[in-house]
Amino acid sequence: MDQYLEPEQFKQWKRWTQGLYALYGLALFSFGMTAVVAVFINYMKNHSVAGTIFESHFQWQIRTFWWGLMGLLTGVVSLFFIVGQIILVLTLLWALYRLGWGLYRLNKNKATFG
């Protein structure tokens, strides 16, 4: 996380990262389609943010997508049992936490972890 970015470049990547968080948040209302777009962008632009605080945000977003998808599929498969409903609710709460924490750290100009 020691790569230096010019102030304008820093602002640009911060806007990109905020936009990706917004896409992940909108996924709750778009049946996940905006999350698919966001994770695709994360993978495509990941090399461009290497060594910056934005790299941790991109990794955070990618992990949130895959773990959230796993929680969603597990919950849906076991939906007819009470445990499926619990899994879906916990996955939703966990995803909201991840989005909130990521945005909080981004607004503080800090990495999500480390």
PDB file of N, CA and C in Angstrom:
ATOM      1  N   MET A   1       0.812  -1.193   0.000  1.00  0.00           N
ATOM      2  CA  MET A   1       0.000   0.000   0.000  1.00  0.00           C
ATOM      3  C   MET A   1       0.855   1.256   0.000  1.00  0.00           C
ATOM      4  N   ASP A   2       1.955   1.184  -0.655  1.00  0.00           N
ATOM      5  CA  ASP A   2       2.849   2.330  -0.601  1.00  0.00           C
ATOM      6  C   ASP A   2       3.021   3.024  -1.948  1.00  0.00           C
ATOM      7  N   GLN A   3       2.263   2.629  -2.934  1.00  0.00           N
ATOM      8  CA  GLN A   3       2.366   3.298  -4.229  1.00  0.00           C
ATOM      9  C   GLN A   3       1.759   4.690  -4.109  1.00  0.00           C
ATOM     10  N   TYR A   4       2.480   5.675  -4.578  1.00  0.00           N
ATOM     11  CA  TYR A   4       2.013   7.062  -4.513  1.00  0.00           C
ATOM     12  C   TYR A   4       1.124   7.360  -5.711  1.00  0.00           C
ATOM     13  N   LEU A   5       0.016   8.026  -5.445  1.00  0.00           N
ATOM     14  CA  LEU A   5      -0.878   8.485  -6.506  1.00  0.00           C
ATOM     15  C   LEU A   5      -0.949  10.001  -6.467  1.00  0.00           C
ATOM     16  N   GLU A   6      -0.965  10.604  -7.620  1.00  0.00           N
ATOM     17  CA  GLU A   6      -1.194  12.043  -7.697  1.00  0.00           C
ATOM     18  C   GLU A   6      -2.577  12.345  -7.127  1.00  0.00           C
ATOM     19  N   PRO A   7      -2.779  13.532  -6.553  1.00  0.00           N
ATOM     20  CA  PRO A   7      -4.084  13.851  -5.948  1.00  0.00           C
ATOM     21  C   PRO A   7      -5.273  13.648  -6.887  1.00  0.00           C
ATOM     22  N   GLU A   8      -5.134  14.036  -8.137  1.00  0.00           N
ATOM     23  CA  GLU A   8      -6.244  13.877  -9.078  1.00  0.00           C
ATOM     24  C   GLU A   8      -6.501  12.399  -9.369  1.00  0.00           C
ATOM     25  N   GLN A   9      -5.427  11.639  -9.488  1.00  0.00           N
ATOM     26  CA  GLN A   9      -5.559  10.203  -9.727  1.00  0.00           C
ATOM     27  C   GLN A   9      -6.188   9.514  -8.507  1.00  0.00           C
ATOM     28  N   PHE A  10      -5.812   9.961  -7.316  1.00  0.00           N
ATOM     29  CA  PHE A  10      -6.385   9.424  -6.081  1.00  0.00           C
ATOM     30  C   PHE A  10      -7.894   9.670  -6.060  1.00  0.00           C
ATOM     31  N   LYS A  11      -8.300  10.886  -6.394  1.00  0.00           N
ATOM     32  CA  LYS A  11      -9.736  11.223  -6.417  1.00  0.00           C
ATOM     33  C   LYS A  11     -10.476  10.362  -7.426  1.00  0.00           C
ATOM     34  N   GLN A  12      -9.854  10.144  -8.584  1.00  0.00           N
ATOM     35  CA  GLN A  12     -10.493   9.349  -9.631  1.00  0.00           C
ATOM     36  C   GLN A  12     -10.721   7.914  -9.155  1.00  0.00           C
ATOM     37  N   TRP A  13      -9.708   7.298  -8.545  1.00  0.00           N
ATOM     38  CA  TRP A  13      -9.864   5.928  -8.070  1.00  0.00           C
ATOM     39  C   TRP A  13     -10.826   5.855  -6.894  1.00  0.00           C
ATOM     40  N   LYS A  14     -10.865   6.904  -6.095  1.00  0.00           N
ATOM     41  CA  LYS A  14     -11.823   6.925  -4.992  1.00  0.00           C
ATOM     42  C   LYS A  14     -13.250   6.955  -5.542  1.00  0.00           C
ATOM     43  N   ARG A  15     -13.494   7.747  -6.579  1.00  0.00           N
ATOM     44  CA  ARG A  15     -14.821   7.793  -7.208  1.00  0.00           C
ATOM     45  C   ARG A  15     -15.176   6.433  -7.821  1.00  0.00           C
ATOM     46  N   TRP A  16     -14.213   5.807  -8.485  1.00  0.00           N
ATOM     47  CA  TRP A  16     -14.432   4.483  -9.062  1.00  0.00           C
ATOM     48  C   TRP A  16     -14.847   3.499  -7.964  1.00  0.00           C
ATOM     49  N   THR A  17     -14.105   3.526  -6.875  1.00  0.00           N
ATOM     50  CA  THR A  17     -14.362   2.584  -5.785  1.00  0.00           C
ATOM     51  C   THR A  17     -15.711   2.858  -5.136  1.00  0.00           C
ATOM     52  N   GLN A  18     -16.062   4.123  -4.959  1.00  0.00           N
ATOM     53  CA  GLN A  18     -17.379   4.469  -4.428  1.00  0.00           C
ATOM     54  C   GLN A  18     -18.485   3.974  -5.370  1.00  0.00           C
ATOM     55  N   GLY A  19     -18.253   4.142  -6.660  1.00  0.00           N
ATOM     56  CA  GLY A  19     -19.227   3.673  -7.641  1.00  0.00           C
ATOM     57  C   GLY A  19     -19.418   2.166  -7.583  1.00  0.00           C
ATOM     58  N   LEU A  20     -18.318   1.446  -7.370  1.00  0.00           N
ATOM     59  CA  LEU A  20     -18.428  -0.012  -7.265  1.00  0.00           C
ATOM     60  C   LEU A  20     -19.181  -0.413  -6.001  1.00  0.00           C
ATOM     61  N   TYR A  21     -18.925   0.292  -4.896  1.00  0.00           N
ATOM     62  CA  TYR A  21     -19.706   0.020  -3.683  1.00  0.00           C
ATOM     63  C   TYR A  21     -21.193   0.281  -3.944  1.00  0.00           C
ATOM     64  N   ALA A  22     -21.492   1.331  -4.687  1.00  0.00           N
ATOM     65  CA  ALA A  22     -22.891   1.634  -5.018  1.00  0.00           C
ATOM     66  C   ALA A  22     -23.506   0.509  -5.849  1.00  0.00           C
ATOM     67  N   LEU A  23     -22.747  -0.012  -6.806  1.00  0.00           N
ATOM     68  CA  LEU A  23     -23.256  -1.126  -7.615  1.00  0.00           C
ATOM     69  C   LEU A  23     -23.534  -2.350  -6.747  1.00  0.00           C
ATOM     70  N   TYR A  24     -22.642  -2.622  -5.798  1.00  0.00           N
ATOM     71  CA  TYR A  24     -22.886  -3.752  -4.893  1.00  0.00           C
ATOM     72  C   TYR A  24     -24.125  -3.505  -4.041  1.00  0.00           C
ATOM     73  N   GLY A  25     -24.307  -2.286  -3.588  1.00  0.00           N
ATOM     74  CA  GLY A  25     -25.501  -1.964  -2.810  1.00  0.00           C
ATOM     75  C   GLY A  25     -26.773  -2.092  -3.629  1.00  0.00           C
ATOM     76  N   LEU A  26     -26.725  -1.659  -4.875  1.00  0.00           N
ATOM     77  CA  LEU A  26     -27.892  -1.764  -5.757  1.00  0.00           C
ATOM     78  C   LEU A  26     -28.219  -3.205  -6.120  1.00  0.00           C
ATOM     79  N   ALA A  27     -27.273  -4.098  -5.926  1.00  0.00           N
ATOM     80  CA  ALA A  27     -27.503  -5.513  -6.246  1.00  0.00           C
ATOM     81  C   ALA A  27     -28.653  -6.086  -5.431  1.00  0.00           C
ATOM     82  N   LEU A  28     -28.897  -5.501  -4.268  1.00  0.00           N
ATOM     83  CA  LEU A  28     -30.005  -5.969  -3.435  1.00  0.00           C
ATOM     84  C   LEU A  28     -31.349  -5.719  -4.111  1.00  0.00           C
ATOM     85  N   PHE A  29     -31.391  -4.784  -5.047  1.00  0.00           N
ATOM     86  CA  PHE A  29     -32.634  -4.419  -5.723  1.00  0.00           C
ATOM     87  C   PHE A  29     -32.661  -4.840  -7.194  1.00  0.00           C
ATOM     88  N   SER A  30     -31.554  -5.372  -7.681  1.00  0.00           N
ATOM     89  CA  SER A  30     -31.471  -5.731  -9.102  1.00  0.00           C
ATOM     90  C   SER A  30     -31.231  -7.227  -9.312  1.00  0.00           C
ATOM     91  N   PHE A  31     -31.588  -8.019  -8.311  1.00  0.00           N
ATOM     92  CA  PHE A  31     -31.383  -9.467  -8.383  1.00  0.00           C
ATOM     93  C   PHE A  31     -29.916  -9.821  -8.630  1.00  0.00           C
ATOM     94  N   GLY A  32     -29.022  -8.993  -8.139  1.00  0.00           N
ATOM     95  CA  GLY A  32     -27.597  -9.272  -8.209  1.00  0.00           C
ATOM     96  C   GLY A  32     -26.898  -8.871  -9.491  1.00  0.00           C
ATOM     97  N   MET A  33     -27.626  -8.349 -10.447  1.00  0.00           N
ATOM     98  CA  MET A  33     -27.019  -8.037 -11.751  1.00  0.00           C
ATOM     99  C   MET A  33     -25.949  -6.950 -11.630  1.00  0.00           C
ATOM    100  N   THR A  34     -26.191  -5.930 -10.812  1.00  0.00           N
ATOM    101  CA  THR A  34     -25.184  -4.870 -10.682  1.00  0.00           C
ATOM    102  C   THR A  34     -23.940  -5.383  -9.968  1.00  0.00           C
ATOM    103  N   ALA A  35     -24.095  -6.387  -9.098  1.00  0.00           N
ATOM    104  CA  ALA A  35     -22.926  -6.980  -8.436  1.00  0.00           C
ATOM    105  C   ALA A  35     -22.067  -7.737  -9.442  1.00  0.00           C
ATOM    106  N   VAL A  36     -22.703  -8.388 -10.406  1.00  0.00           N
ATOM    107  CA  VAL A  36     -21.949  -9.096 -11.451  1.00  0.00           C
ATOM    108  C   VAL A  36     -21.137  -8.093 -12.262  1.00  0.00           C
ATOM    109  N   VAL A  37     -21.748  -6.971 -12.597  1.00  0.00           N
ATOM    110  CA  VAL A  37     -21.030  -5.916 -13.327  1.00  0.00           C
ATOM    111  C   VAL A  37     -19.880  -5.392 -12.473  1.00  0.00           C
ATOM    112  N   ALA A  38     -20.135  -5.161 -11.186  1.00  0.00           N
ATOM    113  CA  ALA A  38     -19.111  -4.610 -10.303  1.00  0.00           C
ATOM    114  C   ALA A  38     -17.937  -5.562 -10.141  1.00  0.00           C
ATOM    115  N   VAL A  39     -18.199  -6.848  -9.946  1.00  0.00           N
ATOM    116  CA  VAL A  39     -17.092  -7.791  -9.761  1.00  0.00           C
ATOM    117  C   VAL A  39     -16.295  -7.932 -11.055  1.00  0.00           C
ATOM    118  N   PHE A  40     -16.949  -7.841 -12.191  1.00  0.00           N
ATOM    119  CA  PHE A  40     -16.237  -7.862 -13.473  1.00  0.00           C
ATOM    120  C   PHE A  40     -15.281  -6.667 -13.561  1.00  0.00           C
ATOM    121  N   ILE A  41     -15.761  -5.487 -13.192  1.00  0.00           N
ATOM    122  CA  ILE A  41     -14.912  -4.286 -13.200  1.00  0.00           C
ATOM    123  C   ILE A  41     -13.774  -4.441 -12.194  1.00  0.00           C
ATOM    124  N   ASN A  42     -14.071  -5.000 -11.013  1.00  0.00           N
ATOM    125  CA  ASN A  42     -13.020  -5.234 -10.017  1.00  0.00           C
ATOM    126  C   ASN A  42     -11.892  -6.062 -10.604  1.00  0.00           C
ATOM    127  N   TYR A  43     -12.240  -7.141 -11.282  1.00  0.00           N
ATOM    128  CA  TYR A  43     -11.212  -7.997 -11.864  1.00  0.00           C
ATOM    129  C   TYR A  43     -10.469  -7.294 -12.999  1.00  0.00           C
ATOM    130  N   MET A  44     -11.180  -6.527 -13.807  1.00  0.00           N
ATOM    131  CA  MET A  44     -10.553  -5.862 -14.946  1.00  0.00           C
ATOM    132  C   MET A  44      -9.604  -4.735 -14.519  1.00  0.00           C
ATOM    133  N   LYS A  45      -9.943  -4.030 -13.444  1.00  0.00           N
ATOM    134  CA  LYS A  45      -9.162  -2.870 -13.018  1.00  0.00           C
ATOM    135  C   LYS A  45      -8.220  -3.172 -11.847  1.00  0.00           C
ATOM    136  N   ASN A  46      -8.221  -4.393 -11.355  1.00  0.00           N
ATOM    137  CA  ASN A  46      -7.447  -4.744 -10.172  1.00  0.00           C
ATOM    138  C   ASN A  46      -5.954  -4.435 -10.334  1.00  0.00           C
ATOM    139  N   HIS A  47      -5.415  -4.690 -11.505  1.00  0.00           N
ATOM    140  CA  HIS A  47      -3.987  -4.434 -11.732  1.00  0.00           C
ATOM    141  C   HIS A  47      -3.662  -2.936 -11.682  1.00  0.00           C
ATOM    142  N   SER A  48      -4.614  -2.107 -12.017  1.00  0.00           N
ATOM    143  CA  SER A  48      -4.390  -0.658 -12.045  1.00  0.00           C
ATOM    144  C   SER A  48      -4.269  -0.055 -10.659  1.00  0.00           C
ATOM    145  N   VAL A  49      -4.827  -0.706  -9.655  1.00  0.00           N
ATOM    146  CA  VAL A  49      -4.805  -0.165  -8.291  1.00  0.00           C
ATOM    147  C   VAL A  49      -3.807  -0.897  -7.405  1.00  0.00           C
ATOM    148  N   ALA A  50      -3.010  -1.783  -7.993  1.00  0.00           N
ATOM    149  CA  ALA A  50      -2.047  -2.560  -7.209  1.00  0.00           C
ATOM    150  C   ALA A  50      -1.102  -1.631  -6.443  1.00  0.00           C
ATOM    151  N   GLY A  51      -0.923  -1.940  -5.166  1.00  0.00           N
ATOM    152  CA  GLY A  51      -0.018  -1.161  -4.343  1.00  0.00           C
ATOM    153  C   GLY A  51      -0.636   0.072  -3.718  1.00  0.00           C
ATOM    154  N   THR A  52      -1.931   0.283  -3.904  1.00  0.00           N
ATOM    155  CA  THR A  52      -2.613   1.443  -3.328  1.00  0.00           C
ATOM    156  C   THR A  52      -3.650   0.960  -2.312  1.00  0.00           C
ATOM    157  N   ILE A  53      -4.247   1.908  -1.598  1.00  0.00           N
ATOM    158  CA  ILE A  53      -5.308   1.520  -0.663  1.00  0.00           C
ATOM    159  C   ILE A  53      -6.505   0.940  -1.405  1.00  0.00           C
ATOM    160  N   PHE A  54      -6.649   1.292  -2.664  1.00  0.00           N
ATOM    161  CA  PHE A  54      -7.797   0.825  -3.435  1.00  0.00           C
ATOM    162  C   PHE A  54      -7.694  -0.664  -3.762  1.00  0.00           C
ATOM    163  N   GLU A  55      -6.495  -1.189  -3.755  1.00  0.00           N
ATOM    164  CA  GLU A  55      -6.319  -2.627  -3.973  1.00  0.00           C
ATOM    165  C   GLU A  55      -7.047  -3.407  -2.871  1.00  0.00           C
ATOM    166  N   SER A  56      -6.922  -2.961  -1.625  1.00  0.00           N
ATOM    167  CA  SER A  56      -7.601  -3.666  -0.538  1.00  0.00           C
ATOM    168  C   SER A  56      -9.118  -3.549  -0.678  1.00  0.00           C
ATOM    169  N   HIS A  57      -9.596  -2.415  -1.153  1.00  0.00           N
ATOM    170  CA  HIS A  57     -11.042  -2.258  -1.360  1.00  0.00           C
ATOM    171  C   HIS A  57     -11.536  -3.171  -2.480  1.00  0.00           C
ATOM    172  N   PHE A  58     -10.760  -3.268  -3.546  1.00  0.00           N
ATOM    173  CA  PHE A  58     -11.153  -4.148  -4.643  1.00  0.00           C
ATOM    174  C   PHE A  58     -11.179  -5.595  -4.168  1.00  0.00           C
ATOM    175  N   GLN A  59     -10.161  -6.018  -3.404  1.00  0.00           N
ATOM    176  CA  GLN A  59     -10.142  -7.379  -2.872  1.00  0.00           C
ATOM    177  C   GLN A  59     -11.314  -7.607  -1.921  1.00  0.00           C
ATOM    178  N   TRP A  60     -11.610  -6.608  -1.103  1.00  0.00           N
ATOM    179  CA  TRP A  60     -12.740  -6.659  -0.164  1.00  0.00           C
ATOM    180  C   TRP A  60     -14.047  -6.861  -0.932  1.00  0.00           C
ATOM    181  N   GLN A  61     -14.213  -6.111  -2.018  1.00  0.00           N
ATOM    182  CA  GLN A  61     -15.429  -6.209  -2.818  1.00  0.00           C
ATOM    183  C   GLN A  61     -15.530  -7.574  -3.507  1.00  0.00           C
ATOM    184  N   ILE A  62     -14.428  -8.048  -4.040  1.00  0.00           N
ATOM    185  CA  ILE A  62     -14.426  -9.351  -4.714  1.00  0.00           C
ATOM    186  C   ILE A  62     -14.779 -10.456  -3.725  1.00  0.00           C
ATOM    187  N   ARG A  63     -14.170 -10.421  -2.554  1.00  0.00           N
ATOM    188  CA  ARG A  63     -14.470 -11.447  -1.543  1.00  0.00           C
ATOM    189  C   ARG A  63     -15.920 -11.348  -1.074  1.00  0.00           C
ATOM    190  N   THR A  64     -16.399 -10.129  -0.935  1.00  0.00           N
ATOM    191  CA  THR A  64     -17.798  -9.948  -0.539  1.00  0.00           C
ATOM    192  C   THR A  64     -18.722 -10.574  -1.577  1.00  0.00           C
ATOM    193  N   PHE A  65     -18.424 -10.383  -2.848  1.00  0.00           N
ATOM    194  CA  PHE A  65     -19.245 -10.963  -3.917  1.00  0.00           C
ATOM    195  C   PHE A  65     -19.268 -12.479  -3.817  1.00  0.00           C
ATOM    196  N   TRP A  66     -18.100 -13.121  -3.787  1.00  0.00           N
ATOM    197  CA  TRP A  66     -18.046 -14.575  -3.826  1.00  0.00           C
ATOM    198  C   TRP A  66     -18.604 -15.217  -2.555  1.00  0.00           C
ATOM    199  N   TRP A  67     -18.258 -14.678  -1.394  1.00  0.00           N
ATOM    200  CA  TRP A  67     -18.802 -15.235  -0.153  1.00  0.00           C
ATOM    201  C   TRP A  67     -20.304 -14.966  -0.058  1.00  0.00           C
ATOM    202  N   GLY A  68     -20.748 -13.817  -0.520  1.00  0.00           N
ATOM    203  CA  GLY A  68     -22.174 -13.514  -0.538  1.00  0.00           C
ATOM    204  C   GLY A  68     -22.934 -14.440  -1.464  1.00  0.00           C
ATOM    205  N   LEU A  69     -22.355 -14.716  -2.622  1.00  0.00           N
ATOM    206  CA  LEU A  69     -22.982 -15.644  -3.567  1.00  0.00           C
ATOM    207  C   LEU A  69     -23.077 -17.034  -2.952  1.00  0.00           C
ATOM    208  N   MET A  70     -22.015 -17.458  -2.270  1.00  0.00           N
ATOM    209  CA  MET A  70     -22.039 -18.763  -1.623  1.00  0.00           C
ATOM    210  C   MET A  70     -23.117 -18.813  -0.529  1.00  0.00           C
ATOM    211  N   GLY A  71     -23.222 -17.745   0.266  1.00  0.00           N
ATOM    212  CA  GLY A  71     -24.257 -17.683   1.292  1.00  0.00           C
ATOM    213  C   GLY A  71     -25.650 -17.689   0.685  1.00  0.00           C
ATOM    214  N   LEU A  72     -25.821 -16.948  -0.412  1.00  0.00           N
ATOM    215  CA  LEU A  72     -27.112 -16.897  -1.090  1.00  0.00           C
ATOM    216  C   LEU A  72     -27.506 -18.274  -1.627  1.00  0.00           C
ATOM    217  N   LEU A  73     -26.584 -18.945  -2.300  1.00  0.00           N
ATOM    218  CA  LEU A  73     -26.890 -20.263  -2.859  1.00  0.00           C
ATOM    219  C   LEU A  73     -27.173 -21.281  -1.759  1.00  0.00           C
ATOM    220  N   THR A  74     -26.390 -21.241  -0.709  1.00  0.00           N
ATOM    221  CA  THR A  74     -26.617 -22.161   0.417  1.00  0.00           C
ATOM    222  C   THR A  74     -27.971 -21.899   1.047  1.00  0.00           C
ATOM    223  N   GLY A  75     -28.311 -20.639   1.223  1.00  0.00           N
ATOM    224  CA  GLY A  75     -29.608 -20.292   1.796  1.00  0.00           C
ATOM    225  C   GLY A  75     -30.767 -20.706   0.923  1.00  0.00           C
ATOM    226  N   VAL A  76     -30.636 -20.502  -0.380  1.00  0.00           N
ATOM    227  CA  VAL A  76     -31.717 -20.855  -1.302  1.00  0.00           C
ATOM    228  C   VAL A  76     -31.897 -22.375  -1.359  1.00  0.00           C
ATOM    229  N   VAL A  77     -30.793 -23.109  -1.412  1.00  0.00           N
ATOM    230  CA  VAL A  77     -30.875 -24.572  -1.468  1.00  0.00           C
ATOM    231  C   VAL A  77     -31.562 -25.133  -0.225  1.00  0.00           C
ATOM    232  N   SER A  78     -31.300 -24.528   0.921  1.00  0.00           N
ATOM    233  CA  SER A  78     -31.887 -25.020   2.173  1.00  0.00           C
ATOM    234  C   SER A  78     -33.063 -24.159   2.632  1.00  0.00           C
ATOM    235  N   LEU A  79     -33.688 -23.462   1.707  1.00  0.00           N
ATOM    236  CA  LEU A  79     -34.758 -22.528   2.041  1.00  0.00           C
ATOM    237  C   LEU A  79     -35.971 -23.209   2.678  1.00  0.00           C
ATOM    238  N   PHE A  80     -36.223 -24.433   2.329  1.00  0.00           N
ATOM    239  CA  PHE A  80     -37.396 -25.114   2.861  1.00  0.00           C
ATOM    240  C   PHE A  80     -37.209 -25.547   4.307  1.00  0.00           C
ATOM    241  N   PHE A  81     -36.006 -25.388   4.792  1.00  0.00           N
ATOM    242  CA  PHE A  81     -35.729 -25.640   6.195  1.00  0.00           C
ATOM    243  C   PHE A  81     -35.519 -24.290   6.865  1.00  0.00           C
ATOM    244  N   ILE A  82     -35.753 -24.218   8.115  1.00  0.00           N
ATOM    245  CA  ILE A  82     -35.591 -22.942   8.830  1.00  0.00           C
ATOM    246  C   ILE A  82     -34.166 -22.418   8.709  1.00  0.00           C
ATOM    247  N   VAL A  83     -33.214 -23.315   8.647  1.00  0.00           N
ATOM    248  CA  VAL A  83     -31.813 -22.894   8.574  1.00  0.00           C
ATOM    249  C   VAL A  83     -31.548 -22.079   7.304  1.00  0.00           C
ATOM    250  N   GLY A  84     -32.249 -22.368   6.218  1.00  0.00           N
ATOM    251  CA  GLY A  84     -32.073 -21.617   4.972  1.00  0.00           C
ATOM    252  C   GLY A  84     -32.475 -20.166   5.121  1.00  0.00           C
ATOM    253  N   GLN A  85     -33.557 -19.933   5.811  1.00  0.00           N
ATOM    254  CA  GLN A  85     -34.009 -18.566   6.050  1.00  0.00           C
ATOM    255  C   GLN A  85     -33.020 -17.812   6.933  1.00  0.00           C
ATOM    256  N   ILE A  86     -32.494 -18.506   7.924  1.00  0.00           N
ATOM    257  CA  ILE A  86     -31.498 -17.894   8.812  1.00  0.00           C
ATOM    258  C   ILE A  86     -30.242 -17.562   8.023  1.00  0.00           C
ATOM    259  N   ILE A  87     -29.811 -18.476   7.167  1.00  0.00           N
ATOM    260  CA  ILE A  87     -28.615 -18.241   6.345  1.00  0.00           C
ATOM    261  C   ILE A  87     -28.816 -17.026   5.443  1.00  0.00           C
ATOM    262  N   LEU A  88     -29.979 -16.903   4.834  1.00  0.00           N
ATOM    263  CA  LEU A  88     -30.241 -15.764   3.951  1.00  0.00           C
ATOM    264  C   LEU A  88     -30.230 -14.441   4.715  1.00  0.00           C
ATOM    265  N   VAL A  89     -30.840 -14.417   5.883  1.00  0.00           N
ATOM    266  CA  VAL A  89     -30.857 -13.191   6.684  1.00  0.00           C
ATOM    267  C   VAL A  89     -29.438 -12.838   7.138  1.00  0.00           C
ATOM    268  N   LEU A  90     -28.698 -13.834   7.602  1.00  0.00           N
ATOM    269  CA  LEU A  90     -27.320 -13.573   8.047  1.00  0.00           C
ATOM    270  C   LEU A  90     -26.429 -13.131   6.884  1.00  0.00           C
ATOM    271  N   THR A  91     -26.638 -13.702   5.714  1.00  0.00           N
ATOM    272  CA  THR A  91     -25.866 -13.294   4.534  1.00  0.00           C
ATOM    273  C   THR A  91     -26.171 -11.849   4.170  1.00  0.00           C
ATOM    274  N   LEU A  92     -27.424 -11.464   4.231  1.00  0.00           N
ATOM    275  CA  LEU A  92     -27.807 -10.081   3.950  1.00  0.00           C
ATOM    276  C   LEU A  92     -27.165  -9.123   4.953  1.00  0.00           C
ATOM    277  N   LEU A  93     -27.259  -9.441   6.228  1.00  0.00           N
ATOM    278  CA  LEU A  93     -26.663  -8.582   7.262  1.00  0.00           C
ATOM    279  C   LEU A  93     -25.149  -8.493   7.100  1.00  0.00           C
ATOM    280  N   TRP A  94     -24.525  -9.617   6.796  1.00  0.00           N
ATOM    281  CA  TRP A  94     -23.077  -9.647   6.596  1.00  0.00           C
ATOM    282  C   TRP A  94     -22.678  -8.785   5.395  1.00  0.00           C
ATOM    283  N   ALA A  95     -23.423  -8.886   4.295  1.00  0.00           N
ATOM    284  CA  ALA A  95     -23.125  -8.092   3.097  1.00  0.00           C
ATOM    285  C   ALA A  95     -23.299  -6.604   3.384  1.00  0.00           C
ATOM    286  N   LEU A  96     -24.341  -6.243   4.123  1.00  0.00           N
ATOM    287  CA  LEU A  96     -24.537  -4.831   4.481  1.00  0.00           C
ATOM    288  C   LEU A  96     -23.396  -4.325   5.357  1.00  0.00           C
ATOM    289  N   TYR A  97     -22.943  -5.161   6.283  1.00  0.00           N
ATOM    290  CA  TYR A  97     -21.782  -4.798   7.103  1.00  0.00           C
ATOM    291  C   TYR A  97     -20.558  -4.572   6.226  1.00  0.00           C
ATOM    292  N   ARG A  98     -20.304  -5.483   5.302  1.00  0.00           N
ATOM    293  CA  ARG A  98     -19.120  -5.369   4.439  1.00  0.00           C
ATOM    294  C   ARG A  98     -19.176  -4.091   3.602  1.00  0.00           C
ATOM    295  N   LEU A  99     -20.343  -3.772   3.065  1.00  0.00           N
ATOM    296  CA  LEU A  99     -20.479  -2.545   2.278  1.00  0.00           C
ATOM    297  C   LEU A  99     -20.272  -1.316   3.156  1.00  0.00           C
ATOM    298  N   GLY A 100     -20.894  -1.323   4.321  1.00  0.00           N
ATOM    299  CA  GLY A 100     -20.766  -0.185   5.232  1.00  0.00           C
ATOM    300  C   GLY A 100     -19.343   0.017   5.708  1.00  0.00           C
ATOM    301  N   TRP A 101     -18.674  -1.059   6.105  1.00  0.00           N
ATOM    302  CA  TRP A 101     -17.293  -0.953   6.588  1.00  0.00           C
ATOM    303  C   TRP A 101     -16.368  -0.484   5.462  1.00  0.00           C
ATOM    304  N   GLY A 102     -16.559  -1.021   4.280  1.00  0.00           N
ATOM    305  CA  GLY A 102     -15.728  -0.619   3.155  1.00  0.00           C
ATOM    306  C   GLY A 102     -15.891   0.859   2.832  1.00  0.00           C
ATOM    307  N   LEU A 103     -17.123   1.326   2.786  1.00  0.00           N
ATOM    308  CA  LEU A 103     -17.368   2.751   2.514  1.00  0.00           C
ATOM    309  C   LEU A 103     -16.829   3.637   3.627  1.00  0.00           C
ATOM    310  N   TYR A 104     -16.984   3.201   4.866  1.00  0.00           N
ATOM    311  CA  TYR A 104     -16.452   3.957   6.002  1.00  0.00           C
ATOM    312  C   TYR A 104     -14.936   4.119   5.879  1.00  0.00           C
ATOM    313  N   ARG A 105     -14.252   3.010   5.616  1.00  0.00           N
ATOM    314  CA  ARG A 105     -12.787   3.063   5.487  1.00  0.00           C
ATOM    315  C   ARG A 105     -12.374   3.874   4.256  1.00  0.00           C
ATOM    316  N   LEU A 106     -13.121   3.760   3.160  1.00  0.00           N
ATOM    317  CA  LEU A 106     -12.808   4.519   1.954  1.00  0.00           C
ATOM    318  C   LEU A 106     -12.942   6.014   2.211  1.00  0.00           C
ATOM    319  N   ASN A 107     -13.989   6.407   2.909  1.00  0.00           N
ATOM    320  CA  ASN A 107     -14.181   7.827   3.209  1.00  0.00           C
ATOM    321  C   ASN A 107     -13.124   8.369   4.154  1.00  0.00           C
ATOM    322  N   LYS A 108     -12.460   7.485   4.917  1.00  0.00           N
ATOM    323  CA  LYS A 108     -11.349   7.870   5.778  1.00  0.00           C
ATOM    324  C   LYS A 108     -10.012   7.799   5.033  1.00  0.00           C
ATOM    325  N   ASN A 109     -10.073   7.451   3.725  1.00  0.00           N
ATOM    326  CA  ASN A 109      -8.873   7.265   2.889  1.00  0.00           C
ATOM    327  C   ASN A 109      -7.944   6.209   3.457  1.00  0.00           C
ATOM    328  N   LYS A 110      -8.533   5.106   3.913  1.00  0.00           N
ATOM    329  CA  LYS A 110      -7.764   4.004   4.496  1.00  0.00           C
ATOM    330  C   LYS A 110      -8.121   2.707   3.785  1.00  0.00           C
ATOM    331  N   ALA A 111      -7.196   1.759   3.875  1.00  0.00           N
ATOM    332  CA  ALA A 111      -7.451   0.433   3.336  1.00  0.00           C
ATOM    333  C   ALA A 111      -8.506  -0.268   4.184  1.00  0.00           C
ATOM    334  N   THR A 112      -9.124  -1.288   3.642  1.00  0.00           N
ATOM    335  CA  THR A 112     -10.164  -1.998   4.390  1.00  0.00           C
ATOM    336  C   THR A 112      -9.569  -2.887   5.467  1.00  0.00           C
ATOM    337  N   PHE A 113      -8.347  -3.325   5.268  1.00  0.00           N
ATOM    338  CA  PHE A 113      -7.678  -4.180   6.246  1.00  0.00           C
ATOM    339  C   PHE A 113      -6.197  -3.894   6.199  1.00  0.00           C
ATOM    340  N   GLY A 114      -5.508  -4.396   7.190  1.00  0.00           N
ATOM    341  CA  GLY A 114      -4.046  -4.239   7.196  1.00  0.00           C
ATOM    342  C   GLY A 114      -3.544  -3.016   7.907  1.00  0.00           C
TER     343      GLY A 114
END
